[in-house]
């Protein structure tokens, strides 16, 4: 769902997917099937997950422009709930 709505927020939100618990090569092979790399940047890091207290996947973290965590969730959201979260992030800046 994030991939589906990301283009509507490209001017105000940078989307980044951080893979982990696999390998960079294995993750790179799946990028195009999980999301469009044109809309969502991606990287690989096992070390970054504990920084944001991510212990499982899928997980999403919303970080403001001044690096403050303003929200997050595990699992999927429906489109309306996702847009509400992204609209709130845009409002924070």
PDB file of N, CA and C in Angstrom:
ATOM      1  N   UNK A   1       0.829  -1.190   0.000  1.00  0.00           N
ATOM      2  CA  UNK A   1       0.000   0.000   0.000  1.00  0.00           C
ATOM      3  C   UNK A   1       0.877   1.259   0.000  1.00  0.00           C
ATOM      4  N   UNK A   2       1.995   1.226   0.733  1.00  0.00           N
ATOM      5  CA  UNK A   2       2.875   2.397   0.758  1.00  0.00           C
ATOM      6  C   UNK A   2       3.353   2.710  -0.650  1.00  0.00           C
ATOM      7  N   UNK A   3       3.739   1.696  -1.388  1.00  0.00           N
ATOM      8  CA  UNK A   3       4.186   1.911  -2.764  1.00  0.00           C
ATOM      9  C   UNK A   3       3.076   2.531  -3.608  1.00  0.00           C
ATOM     10  N   UNK A   4       1.845   2.109  -3.374  1.00  0.00           N
ATOM     11  CA  UNK A   4       0.718   2.608  -4.167  1.00  0.00           C
ATOM     12  C   UNK A   4       0.435   4.086  -3.943  1.00  0.00           C
ATOM     13  N   UNK A   5       0.675   4.591  -2.742  1.00  0.00           N
ATOM     14  CA  UNK A   5       0.362   6.003  -2.461  1.00  0.00           C
ATOM     15  C   UNK A   5       1.595   6.905  -2.441  1.00  0.00           C
ATOM     16  N   UNK A   6       2.780   6.330  -2.497  1.00  0.00           N
ATOM     17  CA  UNK A   6       4.015   7.123  -2.367  1.00  0.00           C
ATOM     18  C   UNK A   6       4.111   8.259  -3.382  1.00  0.00           C
ATOM     19  N   UNK A   7       3.672   8.017  -4.597  1.00  0.00           N
ATOM     20  CA  UNK A   7       3.795   9.064  -5.621  1.00  0.00           C
ATOM     21  C   UNK A   7       2.965  10.298  -5.274  1.00  0.00           C
ATOM     22  N   UNK A   8       1.898  10.136  -4.501  1.00  0.00           N
ATOM     23  CA  UNK A   8       1.073  11.281  -4.105  1.00  0.00           C
ATOM     24  C   UNK A   8       1.764  12.161  -3.067  1.00  0.00           C
ATOM     25  N   UNK A   9       2.827  11.651  -2.440  1.00  0.00           N
ATOM     26  CA  UNK A   9       3.513  12.379  -1.371  1.00  0.00           C
ATOM     27  C   UNK A   9       4.971  12.685  -1.713  1.00  0.00           C
ATOM     28  N   UNK A  10       5.392  12.428  -2.953  1.00  0.00           N
ATOM     29  CA  UNK A  10       6.794  12.577  -3.331  1.00  0.00           C
ATOM     30  C   UNK A  10       7.355  13.975  -3.067  1.00  0.00           C
ATOM     31  N   UNK A  11       6.537  15.000  -3.145  1.00  0.00           N
ATOM     32  CA  UNK A  11       7.023  16.368  -2.947  1.00  0.00           C
ATOM     33  C   UNK A  11       7.245  16.717  -1.481  1.00  0.00           C
ATOM     34  N   UNK A  12       6.739  15.904  -0.560  1.00  0.00           N
ATOM     35  CA  UNK A  12       6.846  16.265   0.847  1.00  0.00           C
ATOM     36  C   UNK A  12       7.405  15.172   1.758  1.00  0.00           C
ATOM     37  N   UNK A  13       7.508  13.943   1.270  1.00  0.00           N
ATOM     38  CA  UNK A  13       8.015  12.843   2.085  1.00  0.00           C
ATOM     39  C   UNK A  13       9.037  12.057   1.278  1.00  0.00           C
ATOM     40  N   UNK A  14      10.142  11.720   1.908  1.00  0.00           N
ATOM     41  CA  UNK A  14      11.103  10.803   1.308  1.00  0.00           C
ATOM     42  C   UNK A  14      10.824   9.416   1.877  1.00  0.00           C
ATOM     43  N   UNK A  15      10.578   8.473   1.014  1.00  0.00           N
ATOM     44  CA  UNK A  15      10.285   7.107   1.420  1.00  0.00           C
ATOM     45  C   UNK A  15      11.560   6.286   1.300  1.00  0.00           C
ATOM     46  N   UNK A  16      11.877   5.559   2.363  1.00  0.00           N
ATOM     47  CA  UNK A  16      13.074   4.729   2.394  1.00  0.00           C
ATOM     48  C   UNK A  16      12.731   3.378   2.995  1.00  0.00           C
ATOM     49  N   UNK A  17      13.024   2.328   2.273  1.00  0.00           N
ATOM     50  CA  UNK A  17      12.846   0.967   2.781  1.00  0.00           C
ATOM     51  C   UNK A  17      14.218   0.447   3.189  1.00  0.00           C
ATOM     52  N   UNK A  18      14.318  -0.040   4.420  1.00  0.00           N
ATOM     53  CA  UNK A  18      15.583  -0.588   4.906  1.00  0.00           C
ATOM     54  C   UNK A  18      15.395  -2.084   5.131  1.00  0.00           C
ATOM     55  N   UNK A  19      15.997  -2.867   4.258  1.00  0.00           N
ATOM     56  CA  UNK A  19      15.945  -4.317   4.386  1.00  0.00           C
ATOM     57  C   UNK A  19      16.960  -4.771   5.419  1.00  0.00           C
ATOM     58  N   UNK A  20      16.739  -5.949   5.951  1.00  0.00           N
ATOM     59  CA  UNK A  20      17.659  -6.539   6.906  1.00  0.00           C
ATOM     60  C   UNK A  20      17.305  -7.991   7.132  1.00  0.00           C
ATOM     61  N   UNK A  21      18.140  -8.659   7.912  1.00  0.00           N
ATOM     62  CA  UNK A  21      17.915 -10.058   8.264  1.00  0.00           C
ATOM     63  C   UNK A  21      17.905 -10.976   7.048  1.00  0.00           C
ATOM     64  N   UNK A  22      18.673 -10.616   6.079  1.00  0.00           N
ATOM     65  CA  UNK A  22      18.830 -11.402   4.859  1.00  0.00           C
ATOM     66  C   UNK A  22      20.244 -11.127   4.375  1.00  0.00           C
ATOM     67  N   UNK A  23      20.349 -10.673   3.157  1.00  0.00           N
ATOM     68  CA  UNK A  23      21.631 -10.212   2.629  1.00  0.00           C
ATOM     69  C   UNK A  23      21.347  -9.092   1.638  1.00  0.00           C
ATOM     70  N   UNK A  24      22.297  -8.202   1.444  1.00  0.00           N
ATOM     71  CA  UNK A  24      22.069  -7.128   0.470  1.00  0.00           C
ATOM     72  C   UNK A  24      21.741  -7.677  -0.921  1.00  0.00           C
ATOM     73  N   UNK A  25      22.428  -8.719  -1.350  1.00  0.00           N
ATOM     74  CA  UNK A  25      22.173  -9.275  -2.681  1.00  0.00           C
ATOM     75  C   UNK A  25      20.776  -9.877  -2.790  1.00  0.00           C
ATOM     76  N   UNK A  26      20.375 -10.644  -1.790  1.00  0.00           N
ATOM     77  CA  UNK A  26      19.036 -11.248  -1.814  1.00  0.00           C
ATOM     78  C   UNK A  26      17.958 -10.171  -1.787  1.00  0.00           C
ATOM     79  N   UNK A  27      18.172  -9.137  -1.001  1.00  0.00           N
ATOM     80  CA  UNK A  27      17.194  -8.046  -0.934  1.00  0.00           C
ATOM     81  C   UNK A  27      17.117  -7.303  -2.253  1.00  0.00           C
ATOM     82  N   UNK A  28      18.256  -7.059  -2.868  1.00  0.00           N
ATOM     83  CA  UNK A  28      18.281  -6.334  -4.147  1.00  0.00           C
ATOM     84  C   UNK A  28      17.475  -7.065  -5.215  1.00  0.00           C
ATOM     85  N   UNK A  29      17.490  -8.383  -5.178  1.00  0.00           N
ATOM     86  CA  UNK A  29      16.722  -9.158  -6.154  1.00  0.00           C
ATOM     87  C   UNK A  29      15.222  -8.992  -5.985  1.00  0.00           C
ATOM     88  N   UNK A  30      14.785  -8.644  -4.786  1.00  0.00           N
ATOM     89  CA  UNK A  30      13.347  -8.540  -4.494  1.00  0.00           C
ATOM     90  C   UNK A  30      12.797  -7.118  -4.591  1.00  0.00           C
ATOM     91  N   UNK A  31      13.675  -6.140  -4.697  1.00  0.00           N
ATOM     92  CA  UNK A  31      13.228  -4.744  -4.651  1.00  0.00           C
ATOM     93  C   UNK A  31      12.108  -4.462  -5.643  1.00  0.00           C
ATOM     94  N   UNK A  32      12.249  -4.800  -6.871  1.00  0.00           N
ATOM     95  CA  UNK A  32      11.227  -4.498  -7.871  1.00  0.00           C
ATOM     96  C   UNK A  32       9.897  -5.175  -7.623  1.00  0.00           C
ATOM     97  N   UNK A  33       9.892  -6.307  -6.925  1.00  0.00           N
ATOM     98  CA  UNK A  33       8.620  -6.982  -6.653  1.00  0.00           C
ATOM     99  C   UNK A  33       7.956  -6.456  -5.380  1.00  0.00           C
ATOM    100  N   UNK A  34       8.731  -5.921  -4.459  1.00  0.00           N
ATOM    101  CA  UNK A  34       8.167  -5.386  -3.214  1.00  0.00           C
ATOM    102  C   UNK A  34       7.651  -3.966  -3.380  1.00  0.00           C
ATOM    103  N   UNK A  35       8.376  -3.149  -4.142  1.00  0.00           N
ATOM    104  CA  UNK A  35       8.016  -1.742  -4.347  1.00  0.00           C
ATOM    105  C   UNK A  35       8.803  -1.191  -5.512  1.00  0.00           C
ATOM    106  N   UNK A  36       8.377  -0.049  -5.998  1.00  0.00           N
ATOM    107  CA  UNK A  36       9.059   0.595  -7.109  1.00  0.00           C
ATOM    108  C   UNK A  36      10.240   1.422  -6.598  1.00  0.00           C
ATOM    109  N   UNK A  37      11.455   1.114  -7.032  1.00  0.00           N
ATOM    110  CA  UNK A  37      12.597   1.914  -6.595  1.00  0.00           C
ATOM    111  C   UNK A  37      12.565   3.345  -7.148  1.00  0.00           C
ATOM    112  N   UNK A  38      11.633   3.629  -8.048  1.00  0.00           N
ATOM    113  CA  UNK A  38      11.451   5.003  -8.525  1.00  0.00           C
ATOM    114  C   UNK A  38      10.738   5.858  -7.486  1.00  0.00           C
ATOM    115  N   UNK A  39       9.931   5.226  -6.634  1.00  0.00           N
ATOM    116  CA  UNK A  39       9.166   5.952  -5.616  1.00  0.00           C
ATOM    117  C   UNK A  39       9.752   5.797  -4.219  1.00  0.00           C
ATOM    118  N   UNK A  40      10.392   4.664  -3.985  1.00  0.00           N
ATOM    119  CA  UNK A  40      10.887   4.359  -2.647  1.00  0.00           C
ATOM    120  C   UNK A  40      12.368   4.003  -2.734  1.00  0.00           C
ATOM    121  N   UNK A  41      13.193   4.790  -2.050  1.00  0.00           N
ATOM    122  CA  UNK A  41      14.618   4.482  -1.976  1.00  0.00           C
ATOM    123  C   UNK A  41      14.799   3.257  -1.097  1.00  0.00           C
ATOM    124  N   UNK A  42      15.914   2.568  -1.226  1.00  0.00           N
ATOM    125  CA  UNK A  42      16.091   1.410  -0.363  1.00  0.00           C
ATOM    126  C   UNK A  42      17.557   1.229  -0.020  1.00  0.00           C
ATOM    127  N   UNK A  43      17.763   0.524   1.066  1.00  0.00           N
ATOM    128  CA  UNK A  43      19.099   0.198   1.519  1.00  0.00           C
ATOM    129  C   UNK A  43      19.039  -1.061   2.362  1.00  0.00           C
ATOM    130  N   UNK A  44      20.184  -1.465   2.869  1.00  0.00           N
ATOM    131  CA  UNK A  44      20.262  -2.663   3.678  1.00  0.00           C
ATOM    132  C   UNK A  44      21.059  -2.367   4.931  1.00  0.00           C
ATOM    133  N   UNK A  45      20.505  -2.731   6.098  1.00  0.00           N
ATOM    134  CA  UNK A  45      21.231  -2.533   7.352  1.00  0.00           C
ATOM    135  C   UNK A  45      20.583  -3.347   8.462  1.00  0.00           C
ATOM    136  N   UNK A  46      21.340  -4.268   9.021  1.00  0.00           N
ATOM    137  CA  UNK A  46      20.866  -4.951  10.215  1.00  0.00           C
ATOM    138  C   UNK A  46      21.054  -4.072  11.446  1.00  0.00           C
ATOM    139  N   UNK A  47      22.014  -3.169  11.403  1.00  0.00           N
ATOM    140  CA  UNK A  47      22.325  -2.323  12.550  1.00  0.00           C
ATOM    141  C   UNK A  47      21.288  -1.226  12.790  1.00  0.00           C
ATOM    142  N   UNK A  48      20.603  -0.803  11.758  1.00  0.00           N
ATOM    143  CA  UNK A  48      19.638   0.292  11.887  1.00  0.00           C
ATOM    144  C   UNK A  48      18.350  -0.144  12.584  1.00  0.00           C
ATOM    145  N   UNK A  49      17.982  -1.384  12.455  1.00  0.00           N
ATOM    146  CA  UNK A  49      16.716  -1.857  13.018  1.00  0.00           C
ATOM    147  C   UNK A  49      16.607  -1.610  14.516  1.00  0.00           C
ATOM    148  N   UNK A  50      17.605  -1.978  15.322  1.00  0.00           N
ATOM    149  CA  UNK A  50      17.466  -1.741  16.774  1.00  0.00           C
ATOM    150  C   UNK A  50      17.439  -0.263  17.148  1.00  0.00           C
ATOM    151  N   UNK A  51      18.029   0.580  16.318  1.00  0.00           N
ATOM    152  CA  UNK A  51      18.014   2.018  16.599  1.00  0.00           C
ATOM    153  C   UNK A  51      16.570   2.518  16.671  1.00  0.00           C
ATOM    154  N   UNK A  52      15.713   1.989  15.809  1.00  0.00           N
ATOM    155  CA  UNK A  52      14.310   2.397  15.767  1.00  0.00           C
ATOM    156  C   UNK A  52      13.399   1.363  16.428  1.00  0.00           C
ATOM    157  N   UNK A  53      14.002   0.456  17.188  1.00  0.00           N
ATOM    158  CA  UNK A  53      13.263  -0.562  17.933  1.00  0.00           C
ATOM    159  C   UNK A  53      12.370  -1.405  17.028  1.00  0.00           C
ATOM    160  N   UNK A  54      12.905  -1.787  15.881  1.00  0.00           N
ATOM    161  CA  UNK A  54      12.211  -2.657  14.943  1.00  0.00           C
ATOM    162  C   UNK A  54      12.678  -4.080  15.205  1.00  0.00           C
ATOM    163  N   UNK A  55      11.754  -4.928  15.618  1.00  0.00           N
ATOM    164  CA  UNK A  55      12.107  -6.295  15.970  1.00  0.00           C
ATOM    165  C   UNK A  55      11.478  -7.311  15.030  1.00  0.00           C
ATOM    166  N   UNK A  56      10.684  -6.870  14.091  1.00  0.00           N
ATOM    167  CA  UNK A  56      10.053  -7.760  13.137  1.00  0.00           C
ATOM    168  C   UNK A  56       9.648  -6.979  11.909  1.00  0.00           C
ATOM    169  N   UNK A  57       9.165  -7.683  10.934  1.00  0.00           N
ATOM    170  CA  UNK A  57       8.765  -7.011   9.711  1.00  0.00           C
ATOM    171  C   UNK A  57       7.441  -7.585   9.213  1.00  0.00           C
ATOM    172  N   UNK A  58       6.673  -6.813   8.515  1.00  0.00           N
ATOM    173  CA  UNK A  58       6.936  -5.450   8.081  1.00  0.00           C
ATOM    174  C   UNK A  58       6.663  -4.437   9.197  1.00  0.00           C
ATOM    175  N   UNK A  59       7.461  -3.410   9.193  1.00  0.00           N
ATOM    176  CA  UNK A  59       7.309  -2.327  10.168  1.00  0.00           C
ATOM    177  C   UNK A  59       7.539  -1.012   9.448  1.00  0.00           C
ATOM    178  N   UNK A  60       6.854   0.013   9.901  1.00  0.00           N
ATOM    179  CA  UNK A  60       7.009   1.353   9.327  1.00  0.00           C
ATOM    180  C   UNK A  60       7.273   2.341  10.447  1.00  0.00           C
ATOM    181  N   UNK A  61       8.151   3.296  10.178  1.00  0.00           N
ATOM    182  CA  UNK A  61       8.480   4.346  11.136  1.00  0.00           C
ATOM    183  C   UNK A  61       8.367   5.672  10.408  1.00  0.00           C
ATOM    184  N   UNK A  62       7.692   6.622  11.022  1.00  0.00           N
ATOM    185  CA  UNK A  62       7.569   7.965  10.453  1.00  0.00           C
ATOM    186  C   UNK A  62       8.519   8.890  11.192  1.00  0.00           C
ATOM    187  N   UNK A  63       9.410   9.530  10.448  1.00  0.00           N
ATOM    188  CA  UNK A  63      10.425  10.396  11.034  1.00  0.00           C
ATOM    189  C   UNK A  63      10.269  11.783  10.426  1.00  0.00           C
ATOM    190  N   UNK A  64      10.171  12.794  11.270  1.00  0.00           N
ATOM    191  CA  UNK A  64       9.996  14.171  10.796  1.00  0.00           C
ATOM    192  C   UNK A  64      11.292  14.693  10.174  1.00  0.00           C
ATOM    193  N   UNK A  65      11.187  15.841   9.547  1.00  0.00           N
ATOM    194  CA  UNK A  65      12.340  16.470   8.921  1.00  0.00           C
ATOM    195  C   UNK A  65      13.446  16.818   9.896  1.00  0.00           C
ATOM    196  N   UNK A  66      13.111  16.939  11.186  1.00  0.00           N
ATOM    197  CA  UNK A  66      14.138  17.212  12.191  1.00  0.00           C
ATOM    198  C   UNK A  66      14.494  15.950  12.983  1.00  0.00           C
ATOM    199  N   UNK A  67      14.304  14.781  12.351  1.00  0.00           N
ATOM    200  CA  UNK A  67      14.726  13.474  12.878  1.00  0.00           C
ATOM    201  C   UNK A  67      14.028  13.031  14.156  1.00  0.00           C
ATOM    202  N   UNK A  68      12.781  13.409  14.331  1.00  0.00           N
ATOM    203  CA  UNK A  68      11.995  12.972  15.475  1.00  0.00           C
ATOM    204  C   UNK A  68      11.023  11.897  15.009  1.00  0.00           C
ATOM    205  N   UNK A  69      10.973  10.781  15.742  1.00  0.00           N
ATOM    206  CA  UNK A  69      10.007   9.737  15.415  1.00  0.00           C
ATOM    207  C   UNK A  69       8.622  10.242  15.810  1.00  0.00           C
ATOM    208  N   UNK A  70       7.733  10.316  14.839  1.00  0.00           N
ATOM    209  CA  UNK A  70       6.392  10.850  15.104  1.00  0.00           C
ATOM    210  C   UNK A  70       5.302   9.791  14.966  1.00  0.00           C
ATOM    211  N   UNK A  71       5.671   8.580  14.602  1.00  0.00           N
ATOM    212  CA  UNK A  71       4.685   7.521  14.484  1.00  0.00           C
ATOM    213  C   UNK A  71       5.305   6.259  13.940  1.00  0.00           C
ATOM    214  N   UNK A  72       4.503   5.225  13.905  1.00  0.00           N
ATOM    215  CA  UNK A  72       4.961   3.965  13.361  1.00  0.00           C
ATOM    216  C   UNK A  72       3.979   2.858  13.638  1.00  0.00           C
ATOM    217  N   UNK A  73       4.147   1.730  12.954  1.00  0.00           N
ATOM    218  CA  UNK A  73       3.262   0.595  13.119  1.00  0.00           C
ATOM    219  C   UNK A  73       3.914  -0.661  12.551  1.00  0.00           C
ATOM    220  N   UNK A  74       3.421  -1.787  13.009  1.00  0.00           N
ATOM    221  CA  UNK A  74       3.785  -3.088  12.449  1.00  0.00           C
ATOM    222  C   UNK A  74       2.655  -3.556  11.565  1.00  0.00           C
ATOM    223  N   UNK A  75       2.981  -4.248  10.504  1.00  0.00           N
ATOM    224  CA  UNK A  75       1.967  -4.788   9.611  1.00  0.00           C
ATOM    225  C   UNK A  75       1.523  -3.775   8.577  1.00  0.00           C
ATOM    226  N   UNK A  76       0.404  -4.061   7.982  1.00  0.00           N
ATOM    227  CA  UNK A  76      -0.126  -3.221   6.910  1.00  0.00           C
ATOM    228  C   UNK A  76      -1.252  -2.329   7.419  1.00  0.00           C
ATOM    229  N   UNK A  77      -1.440  -1.222   6.728  1.00  0.00           N
ATOM    230  CA  UNK A  77      -2.585  -0.341   6.972  1.00  0.00           C
ATOM    231  C   UNK A  77      -3.410  -0.283   5.700  1.00  0.00           C
ATOM    232  N   UNK A  78      -4.710  -0.068   5.846  1.00  0.00           N
ATOM    233  CA  UNK A  78      -5.498   0.163   4.647  1.00  0.00           C
ATOM    234  C   UNK A  78      -5.184   1.567   4.130  1.00  0.00           C
ATOM    235  N   UNK A  79      -5.639   1.869   2.937  1.00  0.00           N
ATOM    236  CA  UNK A  79      -5.261   3.128   2.301  1.00  0.00           C
ATOM    237  C   UNK A  79      -5.671   4.350   3.119  1.00  0.00           C
ATOM    238  N   UNK A  80      -6.872   4.363   3.648  1.00  0.00           N
ATOM    239  CA  UNK A  80      -7.337   5.523   4.416  1.00  0.00           C
ATOM    240  C   UNK A  80      -6.476   5.748   5.657  1.00  0.00           C
ATOM    241  N   UNK A  81      -6.169   4.679   6.371  1.00  0.00           N
ATOM    242  CA  UNK A  81      -5.347   4.804   7.581  1.00  0.00           C
ATOM    243  C   UNK A  81      -3.926   5.228   7.235  1.00  0.00           C
ATOM    244  N   UNK A  82      -3.390   4.681   6.155  1.00  0.00           N
ATOM    245  CA  UNK A  82      -2.039   5.068   5.728  1.00  0.00           C
ATOM    246  C   UNK A  82      -1.991   6.535   5.340  1.00  0.00           C
ATOM    247  N   UNK A  83      -2.958   6.982   4.573  1.00  0.00           N
ATOM    248  CA  UNK A  83      -2.982   8.392   4.174  1.00  0.00           C
ATOM    249  C   UNK A  83      -3.127   9.308   5.390  1.00  0.00           C
ATOM    250  N   UNK A  84      -3.894   8.900   6.367  1.00  0.00           N
ATOM    251  CA  UNK A  84      -4.026   9.702   7.590  1.00  0.00           C
ATOM    252  C   UNK A  84      -2.674   9.828   8.290  1.00  0.00           C
ATOM    253  N   UNK A  85      -1.930   8.733   8.365  1.00  0.00           N
ATOM    254  CA  UNK A  85      -0.600   8.774   8.987  1.00  0.00           C
ATOM    255  C   UNK A  85       0.349   9.675   8.183  1.00  0.00           C
ATOM    256  N   UNK A  86       0.332   9.542   6.863  1.00  0.00           N
ATOM    257  CA  UNK A  86       1.227  10.351   6.023  1.00  0.00           C
ATOM    258  C   UNK A  86       0.835  11.815   6.043  1.00  0.00           C
ATOM    259  N   UNK A  87      -0.467  12.105   6.065  1.00  0.00           N
ATOM    260  CA  UNK A  87      -0.916  13.497   6.160  1.00  0.00           C
ATOM    261  C   UNK A  87      -0.453  14.119   7.485  1.00  0.00           C
ATOM    262  N   UNK A  88      -0.497  13.347   8.553  1.00  0.00           N
ATOM    263  CA  UNK A  88      -0.034  13.849   9.845  1.00  0.00           C
ATOM    264  C   UNK A  88       1.479  14.118   9.812  1.00  0.00           C
ATOM    265  N   UNK A  89       2.231  13.255   9.132  1.00  0.00           N
ATOM    266  CA  UNK A  89       3.670  13.479   8.995  1.00  0.00           C
ATOM    267  C   UNK A  89       3.953  14.748   8.203  1.00  0.00           C
ATOM    268  N   UNK A  90       3.228  14.952   7.126  1.00  0.00           N
ATOM    269  CA  UNK A  90       3.397  16.168   6.318  1.00  0.00           C
ATOM    270  C   UNK A  90       3.101  17.400   7.173  1.00  0.00           C
ATOM    271  N   UNK A  91       2.070  17.330   8.004  1.00  0.00           N
ATOM    272  CA  UNK A  91       1.704  18.469   8.855  1.00  0.00           C
ATOM    273  C   UNK A  91       2.810  18.800   9.865  1.00  0.00           C
ATOM    274  N   UNK A  92       3.502  17.758  10.359  1.00  0.00           N
ATOM    275  CA  UNK A  92       4.593  17.989  11.320  1.00  0.00           C
ATOM    276  C   UNK A  92       5.795  18.594  10.610  1.00  0.00           C
ATOM    277  N   UNK A  93       6.018  18.159   9.385  1.00  0.00           N
ATOM    278  CA  UNK A  93       7.134  18.707   8.621  1.00  0.00           C
ATOM    279  C   UNK A  93       8.367  17.889   8.610  1.00  0.00           C
TER     280      UNK A  93
END
